[in-house]
């Protein structure tokens, strides 16, 4: 799920060689709703045919990704490589390296 433009995000995924690893991609440009608004999360639930308790959002923007996911009743993992602090702690987990996802999943 991205607030970025579809073309830009698809180009990034292709250039990194990871596009084939994504079964579903949700772009705000196509949905018409930006994160952190719950509507984009609801749209994603319909696209992947899953309920909020089955979904985990991993994001690096606390306000947009984590608070948005939690407002939509999703689980949320905060990817925080800069180890920034935030006054509201609502993420279900916080990681500082992507490899730490292995321990969570």
Foldseek 3Di string as FASTA:
>chain_A
DEQDDPVVVVVVCVVVVNVVVDPDDQYCVVVVDAFLALVSVVVVCVVVVHAQDVAEWEDADCRGGVVSSVVNVHAYEHAHLVPDDDPDDDHPYYHNDPVCVVVVD
